[in-house]
Amino acid sequence: MSATPIGPNPAGIRPAEPADAPRLREIALAAYARYVERIGLEPGPMAADYEEAIESAEVWVAMVDGDVAGYAVTRHPGDGVLLENLAVAPGHQGRGIGRALIAHVESRAMARGAAYVELYTHEAMTENRRLYARLGYEETGYVVEDGYRRVFMTKTL
């Protein structure tokens, strides 16, 4: 499968391969590190099993100049798509890569007939909540799981 271009950058989005797992872990550790103090524990993606995710989920990577710059992990429960994990390497943030990954996930979800895309974030990750709201996601629920104060957000397709 060919890569989907990302804006003006010489980049693309392609399915993750098993060899990408160490880079995904590296991105997660770097991207989520700033939230540890804010939420009082490591965000879940910092301990995720990326080999397992690549095997059992749909994982997309954003390529910039031959480097994996970000990723999205999705699962497909029922009528929708769960955007389980999204991260962009700190050196690539602010360039629209996260938005491009979200648009790609939404496009793939629509192509498979999904009714919605759902995601969750920590309530203290306010900048993420604002971004998702700007992209059309509405807060639909709140839950505390394993010490995480999660905010669920959904976008109807």
N, C-alpha and C. Protein backbone atom coordinates (compact mmCIF):
# COMPACT_ATOMS: atom_id res chain seq x y z
N MET A 1 0.85 -1.17 0.00
CA MET A 1 0.00 0.00 0.00
C MET A 1 0.89 1.23 0.00
N SER A 2 0.57 2.22 -0.81
CA SER A 2 1.38 3.43 -0.87
C SER A 2 1.04 4.36 0.28
N ALA A 3 1.93 5.30 0.54
CA ALA A 3 1.75 6.25 1.62
C ALA A 3 0.86 7.39 1.18
N THR A 4 0.03 7.88 2.09
CA THR A 4 -0.81 9.04 1.84
C THR A 4 0.00 10.29 2.14
N PRO A 5 0.08 11.26 1.22
CA PRO A 5 0.87 12.47 1.48
C PRO A 5 0.35 13.25 2.68
N ILE A 6 1.25 13.90 3.41
CA ILE A 6 0.90 14.76 4.54
C ILE A 6 1.27 16.19 4.16
N GLY A 7 0.29 17.00 3.87
CA GLY A 7 0.51 18.41 3.60
C GLY A 7 1.65 18.65 2.63
N PRO A 8 2.40 19.74 2.85
CA PRO A 8 3.48 20.09 1.94
C PRO A 8 4.76 19.30 2.21
N ASN A 9 4.79 18.51 3.27
CA ASN A 9 6.00 17.76 3.61
C ASN A 9 6.15 16.55 2.71
N PRO A 10 7.41 16.13 2.46
CA PRO A 10 7.62 14.90 1.69
C PRO A 10 7.37 13.70 2.61
N ALA A 11 6.12 13.51 2.96
CA ALA A 11 5.77 12.49 3.95
C ALA A 11 4.60 11.66 3.46
N GLY A 12 4.28 10.66 4.22
CA GLY A 12 3.13 9.84 3.90
C GLY A 12 2.69 9.05 5.11
N ILE A 13 1.53 8.44 4.98
CA ILE A 13 1.01 7.59 6.03
C ILE A 13 0.91 6.20 5.44
N ARG A 14 1.45 5.24 6.16
CA ARG A 14 1.44 3.85 5.70
C ARG A 14 1.14 2.94 6.88
N PRO A 15 0.76 1.69 6.60
CA PRO A 15 0.56 0.74 7.68
C PRO A 15 1.88 0.48 8.41
N ALA A 16 1.79 0.34 9.73
CA ALA A 16 2.98 0.01 10.51
C ALA A 16 3.43 -1.41 10.20
N GLU A 17 4.73 -1.62 10.32
CA GLU A 17 5.33 -2.93 10.14
C GLU A 17 5.95 -3.35 11.47
N PRO A 18 6.16 -4.64 11.69
CA PRO A 18 6.75 -5.08 12.96
C PRO A 18 8.06 -4.35 13.31
N ALA A 19 8.85 -4.03 12.31
CA ALA A 19 10.13 -3.35 12.57
C ALA A 19 9.93 -1.93 13.10
N ASP A 20 8.71 -1.37 12.99
CA ASP A 20 8.43 -0.02 13.48
C ASP A 20 8.20 0.02 14.99
N ALA A 21 7.95 -1.11 15.62
CA ALA A 21 7.56 -1.13 17.03
C ALA A 21 8.53 -0.38 17.95
N PRO A 22 9.85 -0.57 17.84
CA PRO A 22 10.75 0.19 18.73
C PRO A 22 10.62 1.70 18.55
N ARG A 23 10.43 2.15 17.32
CA ARG A 23 10.29 3.59 17.08
C ARG A 23 8.98 4.10 17.67
N LEU A 24 7.91 3.31 17.59
CA LEU A 24 6.63 3.73 18.18
C LEU A 24 6.78 3.87 19.69
N ARG A 25 7.45 2.94 20.31
CA ARG A 25 7.70 3.01 21.76
C ARG A 25 8.51 4.27 22.09
N GLU A 26 9.53 4.54 21.30
CA GLU A 26 10.37 5.72 21.50
C GLU A 26 9.54 7.01 21.38
N ILE A 27 8.68 7.08 20.40
CA ILE A 27 7.82 8.25 20.22
C ILE A 27 6.89 8.39 21.41
N ALA A 28 6.28 7.30 21.84
CA ALA A 28 5.35 7.36 22.98
C ALA A 28 6.06 7.87 24.23
N LEU A 29 7.23 7.33 24.52
CA LEU A 29 7.96 7.77 25.71
C LEU A 29 8.27 9.26 25.66
N ALA A 30 8.70 9.74 24.50
CA ALA A 30 9.05 11.15 24.36
C ALA A 30 7.82 12.06 24.35
N ALA A 31 6.78 11.66 23.62
CA ALA A 31 5.60 12.51 23.47
C ALA A 31 4.77 12.60 24.74
N TYR A 32 4.70 11.52 25.49
CA TYR A 32 3.86 11.51 26.69
C TYR A 32 4.60 11.89 27.97
N ALA A 33 5.92 12.02 27.93
CA ALA A 33 6.70 12.31 29.13
C ALA A 33 6.24 13.59 29.82
N ARG A 34 5.86 14.59 29.06
CA ARG A 34 5.47 15.86 29.67
C ARG A 34 4.19 15.78 30.49
N TYR A 35 3.44 14.69 30.33
CA TYR A 35 2.18 14.55 31.07
C TYR A 35 2.34 13.81 32.40
N VAL A 36 3.46 13.17 32.62
CA VAL A 36 3.63 12.34 33.82
C VAL A 36 3.38 13.15 35.08
N GLU A 37 4.05 14.28 35.21
CA GLU A 37 3.88 15.11 36.41
C GLU A 37 2.46 15.66 36.50
N ARG A 38 1.92 16.06 35.37
CA ARG A 38 0.59 16.67 35.36
C ARG A 38 -0.49 15.70 35.83
N ILE A 39 -0.42 14.43 35.40
CA ILE A 39 -1.48 13.50 35.78
C ILE A 39 -1.10 12.58 36.94
N GLY A 40 0.16 12.60 37.32
CA GLY A 40 0.59 11.85 38.50
C GLY A 40 0.96 10.40 38.24
N LEU A 41 0.96 9.97 37.00
CA LEU A 41 1.40 8.64 36.62
C LEU A 41 1.67 8.62 35.13
N GLU A 42 2.35 7.58 34.69
CA GLU A 42 2.68 7.49 33.26
C GLU A 42 1.42 7.20 32.44
N PRO A 43 1.20 7.97 31.39
CA PRO A 43 0.08 7.65 30.50
C PRO A 43 0.24 6.23 29.94
N GLY A 44 -0.88 5.56 29.72
CA GLY A 44 -0.88 4.19 29.23
C GLY A 44 0.00 3.92 28.02
N PRO A 45 0.02 4.82 27.02
CA PRO A 45 0.84 4.55 25.84
C PRO A 45 2.33 4.40 26.12
N MET A 46 2.79 4.89 27.26
CA MET A 46 4.20 4.76 27.58
C MET A 46 4.58 3.31 27.89
N ALA A 47 3.60 2.50 28.27
CA ALA A 47 3.85 1.09 28.61
C ALA A 47 3.20 0.13 27.62
N ALA A 48 2.66 0.66 26.54
CA ALA A 48 1.95 -0.18 25.57
C ALA A 48 2.89 -1.17 24.89
N ASP A 49 2.31 -2.27 24.46
CA ASP A 49 3.03 -3.30 23.72
C ASP A 49 2.81 -3.04 22.23
N TYR A 50 3.76 -2.39 21.60
CA TYR A 50 3.59 -1.99 20.20
C TYR A 50 3.73 -3.16 19.25
N GLU A 51 4.48 -4.18 19.62
CA GLU A 51 4.52 -5.38 18.78
C GLU A 51 3.12 -6.00 18.71
N GLU A 52 2.47 -6.09 19.87
CA GLU A 52 1.13 -6.67 19.93
C GLU A 52 0.14 -5.79 19.17
N ALA A 53 0.26 -4.48 19.32
CA ALA A 53 -0.67 -3.58 18.63
C ALA A 53 -0.56 -3.74 17.11
N ILE A 54 0.66 -3.82 16.61
CA ILE A 54 0.85 -3.97 15.17
C ILE A 54 0.25 -5.29 14.69
N GLU A 55 0.31 -6.30 15.53
CA GLU A 55 -0.22 -7.62 15.19
C GLU A 55 -1.76 -7.66 15.24
N SER A 56 -2.35 -7.00 16.26
CA SER A 56 -3.78 -7.19 16.51
C SER A 56 -4.67 -6.00 16.16
N ALA A 57 -4.09 -4.84 15.94
CA ALA A 57 -4.87 -3.63 15.66
C ALA A 57 -4.49 -3.11 14.28
N GLU A 58 -5.07 -1.99 13.92
CA GLU A 58 -4.68 -1.30 12.70
C GLU A 58 -3.80 -0.14 13.16
N VAL A 59 -2.55 -0.14 12.76
CA VAL A 59 -1.60 0.88 13.19
C VAL A 59 -1.05 1.59 11.96
N TRP A 60 -1.09 2.91 12.00
CA TRP A 60 -0.63 3.74 10.90
C TRP A 60 0.56 4.57 11.36
N VAL A 61 1.54 4.74 10.50
CA VAL A 61 2.68 5.59 10.81
C VAL A 61 2.77 6.71 9.79
N ALA A 62 3.14 7.90 10.29
CA ALA A 62 3.36 9.06 9.45
C ALA A 62 4.86 9.16 9.20
N MET A 63 5.22 9.18 7.94
CA MET A 63 6.63 9.25 7.55
C MET A 63 6.99 10.67 7.13
N VAL A 64 8.12 11.16 7.63
CA VAL A 64 8.66 12.46 7.23
C VAL A 64 10.14 12.26 6.96
N ASP A 65 10.54 12.53 5.74
CA ASP A 65 11.94 12.40 5.35
C ASP A 65 12.53 11.04 5.74
N GLY A 66 11.75 9.99 5.54
CA GLY A 66 12.22 8.64 5.80
C GLY A 66 12.17 8.21 7.26
N ASP A 67 11.65 9.06 8.13
CA ASP A 67 11.58 8.77 9.56
C ASP A 67 10.13 8.63 9.99
N VAL A 68 9.85 7.69 10.90
CA VAL A 68 8.52 7.59 11.49
C VAL A 68 8.38 8.77 12.45
N ALA A 69 7.47 9.69 12.12
CA ALA A 69 7.30 10.92 12.89
C ALA A 69 6.12 10.85 13.85
N GLY A 70 5.21 9.92 13.62
CA GLY A 70 4.04 9.79 14.47
C GLY A 70 3.29 8.53 14.12
N TYR A 71 2.29 8.21 14.93
CA TYR A 71 1.53 6.99 14.69
C TYR A 71 0.13 7.11 15.26
N ALA A 72 -0.75 6.25 14.78
CA ALA A 72 -2.12 6.12 15.30
C ALA A 72 -2.43 4.63 15.39
N VAL A 73 -3.00 4.23 16.52
CA VAL A 73 -3.44 2.85 16.74
C VAL A 73 -4.96 2.87 16.79
N THR A 74 -5.59 2.05 15.94
CA THR A 74 -7.05 1.98 15.94
C THR A 74 -7.51 0.55 16.09
N ARG A 75 -8.69 0.42 16.67
CA ARG A 75 -9.37 -0.87 16.79
C ARG A 75 -10.79 -0.65 16.30
N HIS A 76 -11.48 -1.73 15.99
CA HIS A 76 -12.77 -1.61 15.32
C HIS A 76 -13.88 -2.37 16.04
N PRO A 77 -14.27 -1.87 17.22
CA PRO A 77 -15.36 -2.53 17.93
C PRO A 77 -16.73 -2.10 17.40
N GLY A 78 -17.59 -3.03 17.14
CA GLY A 78 -18.96 -2.71 16.73
C GLY A 78 -19.06 -1.84 15.50
N ASP A 79 -19.88 -0.79 15.61
CA ASP A 79 -20.18 0.09 14.47
C ASP A 79 -19.18 1.23 14.30
N GLY A 80 -18.20 1.32 15.17
CA GLY A 80 -17.30 2.45 15.12
C GLY A 80 -15.85 2.06 15.08
N VAL A 81 -15.02 3.08 15.20
CA VAL A 81 -13.57 2.90 15.25
C VAL A 81 -13.09 3.57 16.53
N LEU A 82 -12.26 2.88 17.28
CA LEU A 82 -11.64 3.43 18.47
C LEU A 82 -10.23 3.89 18.10
N LEU A 83 -9.98 5.18 18.21
CA LEU A 83 -8.64 5.72 18.06
C LEU A 83 -7.99 5.57 19.43
N GLU A 84 -7.27 4.48 19.59
CA GLU A 84 -6.77 4.07 20.89
C GLU A 84 -5.54 4.86 21.33
N ASN A 85 -4.71 5.26 20.39
CA ASN A 85 -3.45 5.89 20.75
C ASN A 85 -2.96 6.69 19.55
N LEU A 86 -2.55 7.91 19.82
CA LEU A 86 -2.02 8.79 18.78
C LEU A 86 -0.87 9.57 19.39
N ALA A 87 0.26 9.59 18.72
CA ALA A 87 1.40 10.37 19.22
C ALA A 87 2.24 10.84 18.05
N VAL A 88 2.85 12.01 18.25
CA VAL A 88 3.78 12.58 17.28
C VAL A 88 5.07 12.87 18.03
N ALA A 89 6.19 12.51 17.43
CA ALA A 89 7.49 12.76 18.05
C ALA A 89 7.64 14.26 18.32
N PRO A 90 8.17 14.63 19.48
CA PRO A 90 8.28 16.06 19.83
C PRO A 90 8.93 16.92 18.74
N GLY A 91 9.94 16.43 18.07
CA GLY A 91 10.59 17.21 17.03
C GLY A 91 9.74 17.43 15.79
N HIS A 92 8.63 16.72 15.68
CA HIS A 92 7.74 16.84 14.52
C HIS A 92 6.40 17.48 14.89
N GLN A 93 6.20 17.80 16.16
CA GLN A 93 4.92 18.37 16.58
C GLN A 93 4.73 19.77 16.01
N GLY A 94 3.47 20.15 15.84
CA GLY A 94 3.15 21.48 15.34
C GLY A 94 3.20 21.61 13.83
N ARG A 95 3.32 20.49 13.13
CA ARG A 95 3.41 20.50 11.67
C ARG A 95 2.19 19.89 10.99
N GLY A 96 1.16 19.57 11.77
CA GLY A 96 -0.05 19.00 11.18
C GLY A 96 -0.03 17.49 11.04
N ILE A 97 0.97 16.84 11.58
CA ILE A 97 1.07 15.38 11.44
C ILE A 97 -0.03 14.68 12.24
N GLY A 98 -0.31 15.15 13.45
CA GLY A 98 -1.39 14.56 14.24
C GLY A 98 -2.73 14.71 13.55
N ARG A 99 -2.97 15.90 13.02
CA ARG A 99 -4.23 16.14 12.30
C ARG A 99 -4.32 15.25 11.06
N ALA A 100 -3.20 15.08 10.36
CA ALA A 100 -3.19 14.22 9.17
C ALA A 100 -3.49 12.77 9.55
N LEU A 101 -2.93 12.31 10.65
CA LEU A 101 -3.21 10.95 11.11
C LEU A 101 -4.68 10.79 11.47
N ILE A 102 -5.25 11.78 12.16
CA ILE A 102 -6.66 11.72 12.52
C ILE A 102 -7.52 11.71 11.26
N ALA A 103 -7.21 12.57 10.30
CA ALA A 103 -7.97 12.60 9.04
C ALA A 103 -7.88 11.26 8.33
N HIS A 104 -6.71 10.64 8.37
CA HIS A 104 -6.53 9.34 7.73
C HIS A 104 -7.40 8.28 8.42
N VAL A 105 -7.38 8.29 9.74
CA VAL A 105 -8.20 7.34 10.52
C VAL A 105 -9.68 7.55 10.18
N GLU A 106 -10.12 8.79 10.13
CA GLU A 106 -11.53 9.08 9.82
C GLU A 106 -11.89 8.63 8.41
N SER A 107 -11.00 8.88 7.47
CA SER A 107 -11.23 8.47 6.08
C SER A 107 -11.35 6.95 5.98
N ARG A 108 -10.44 6.24 6.64
CA ARG A 108 -10.49 4.77 6.64
C ARG A 108 -11.76 4.27 7.32
N ALA A 109 -12.16 4.94 8.39
CA ALA A 109 -13.38 4.54 9.11
C ALA A 109 -14.60 4.70 8.20
N MET A 110 -14.68 5.82 7.50
CA MET A 110 -15.80 6.04 6.58
C MET A 110 -15.80 5.00 5.47
N ALA A 111 -14.63 4.67 4.95
CA ALA A 111 -14.53 3.69 3.87
C ALA A 111 -15.01 2.32 4.31
N ARG A 112 -14.85 2.00 5.57
CA ARG A 112 -15.32 0.69 6.05
C ARG A 112 -16.73 0.76 6.59
N GLY A 113 -17.40 1.92 6.47
CA GLY A 113 -18.79 2.06 6.87
C GLY A 113 -19.01 2.31 8.34
N ALA A 114 -17.99 2.75 9.05
CA ALA A 114 -18.13 3.03 10.49
C ALA A 114 -19.04 4.24 10.68
N ALA A 115 -19.81 4.23 11.75
CA ALA A 115 -20.72 5.32 12.05
C ALA A 115 -20.04 6.45 12.82
N TYR A 116 -18.93 6.12 13.49
CA TYR A 116 -18.28 7.12 14.34
C TYR A 116 -16.83 6.72 14.61
N VAL A 117 -16.06 7.70 15.09
CA VAL A 117 -14.74 7.46 15.63
C VAL A 117 -14.79 7.92 17.08
N GLU A 118 -14.31 7.07 17.96
CA GLU A 118 -14.28 7.40 19.39
C GLU A 118 -12.83 7.39 19.85
N LEU A 119 -12.53 8.23 20.82
CA LEU A 119 -11.20 8.24 21.42
C LEU A 119 -11.35 8.61 22.88
N TYR A 120 -10.27 8.50 23.61
CA TYR A 120 -10.27 8.98 24.98
C TYR A 120 -8.91 9.60 25.26
N THR A 121 -8.93 10.53 26.19
CA THR A 121 -7.72 11.21 26.62
C THR A 121 -7.86 11.48 28.11
N HIS A 122 -6.79 11.82 28.75
CA HIS A 122 -6.86 12.14 30.17
C HIS A 122 -7.45 13.53 30.34
N GLU A 123 -8.25 13.72 31.38
CA GLU A 123 -8.90 15.01 31.57
C GLU A 123 -7.89 16.16 31.70
N ALA A 124 -6.68 15.87 32.19
CA ALA A 124 -5.66 16.91 32.35
C ALA A 124 -4.92 17.24 31.06
N MET A 125 -5.15 16.48 30.01
CA MET A 125 -4.50 16.76 28.72
C MET A 125 -5.39 17.75 27.96
N THR A 126 -5.49 18.94 28.50
CA THR A 126 -6.45 19.93 28.00
C THR A 126 -6.16 20.36 26.58
N GLU A 127 -4.91 20.43 26.19
CA GLU A 127 -4.60 20.83 24.82
C GLU A 127 -5.11 19.79 23.83
N ASN A 128 -5.05 18.51 24.19
CA ASN A 128 -5.59 17.46 23.33
C ASN A 128 -7.10 17.58 23.22
N ARG A 129 -7.74 17.82 24.34
CA ARG A 129 -9.20 17.96 24.34
C ARG A 129 -9.63 19.12 23.45
N ARG A 130 -8.90 20.22 23.49
CA ARG A 130 -9.23 21.37 22.63
C ARG A 130 -9.04 21.03 21.16
N LEU A 131 -7.94 20.35 20.84
CA LEU A 131 -7.69 19.96 19.45
C LEU A 131 -8.81 19.06 18.95
N TYR A 132 -9.14 18.04 19.71
CA TYR A 132 -10.19 17.12 19.26
C TYR A 132 -11.52 17.84 19.09
N ALA A 133 -11.83 18.77 19.99
CA ALA A 133 -13.08 19.53 19.86
C ALA A 133 -13.07 20.35 18.57
N ARG A 134 -11.93 20.97 18.24
CA ARG A 134 -11.83 21.74 17.00
C ARG A 134 -12.03 20.85 15.77
N LEU A 135 -11.68 19.57 15.90
CA LEU A 135 -11.82 18.63 14.79
C LEU A 135 -13.19 17.96 14.74
N GLY A 136 -14.10 18.40 15.62
CA GLY A 136 -15.46 17.90 15.57
C GLY A 136 -15.81 16.82 16.56
N TYR A 137 -14.92 16.53 17.50
CA TYR A 137 -15.20 15.51 18.51
C TYR A 137 -15.93 16.16 19.69
N GLU A 138 -16.93 15.44 20.20
CA GLU A 138 -17.69 15.92 21.35
C GLU A 138 -17.43 15.02 22.54
N GLU A 139 -17.32 15.64 23.71
CA GLU A 139 -17.13 14.85 24.94
C GLU A 139 -18.42 14.11 25.23
N THR A 140 -18.29 12.79 25.41
CA THR A 140 -19.47 11.95 25.58
C THR A 140 -19.49 11.17 26.88
N GLY A 141 -18.40 11.19 27.62
CA GLY A 141 -18.39 10.45 28.87
C GLY A 141 -17.10 10.63 29.63
N TYR A 142 -17.18 10.31 30.90
CA TYR A 142 -16.03 10.41 31.80
C TYR A 142 -15.98 9.15 32.64
N VAL A 143 -14.79 8.63 32.86
CA VAL A 143 -14.66 7.43 33.67
C VAL A 143 -13.28 7.45 34.32
N VAL A 144 -13.19 6.83 35.47
CA VAL A 144 -11.89 6.64 36.12
C VAL A 144 -11.57 5.15 36.01
N GLU A 145 -10.45 4.85 35.34
CA GLU A 145 -10.01 3.46 35.15
C GLU A 145 -8.54 3.38 35.54
N ASP A 146 -8.22 2.49 36.46
CA ASP A 146 -6.84 2.26 36.87
C ASP A 146 -6.11 3.56 37.24
N GLY A 147 -6.84 4.50 37.83
CA GLY A 147 -6.25 5.77 38.24
C GLY A 147 -6.25 6.84 37.17
N TYR A 148 -6.66 6.51 35.95
CA TYR A 148 -6.72 7.48 34.86
C TYR A 148 -8.11 8.11 34.81
N ARG A 149 -8.16 9.43 34.77
CA ARG A 149 -9.42 10.16 34.66
C ARG A 149 -9.65 10.44 33.16
N ARG A 150 -10.35 9.52 32.51
CA ARG A 150 -10.50 9.55 31.06
C ARG A 150 -11.73 10.32 30.62
N VAL A 151 -11.54 11.06 29.54
CA VAL A 151 -12.62 11.77 28.88
C VAL A 151 -12.80 11.08 27.53
N PHE A 152 -14.00 10.58 27.29
CA PHE A 152 -14.32 9.95 26.00
C PHE A 152 -14.89 11.00 25.08
N MET A 153 -14.46 10.94 23.83
CA MET A 153 -14.93 11.89 22.82
C MET A 153 -15.30 11.11 21.56
N THR A 154 -16.35 11.57 20.89
CA THR A 154 -16.85 10.87 19.70
C THR A 154 -17.12 11.86 18.59
N LYS A 155 -16.84 11.42 17.38
CA LYS A 155 -17.19 12.19 16.18
C LYS A 155 -18.04 11.29 15.30
N THR A 156 -19.26 11.76 15.01
CA THR A 156 -20.12 11.03 14.11
C THR A 156 -19.66 11.28 12.68
N LEU A 157 -19.58 10.19 11.90
CA LEU A 157 -19.10 10.31 10.51
C LEU A 157 -20.26 10.46 9.55
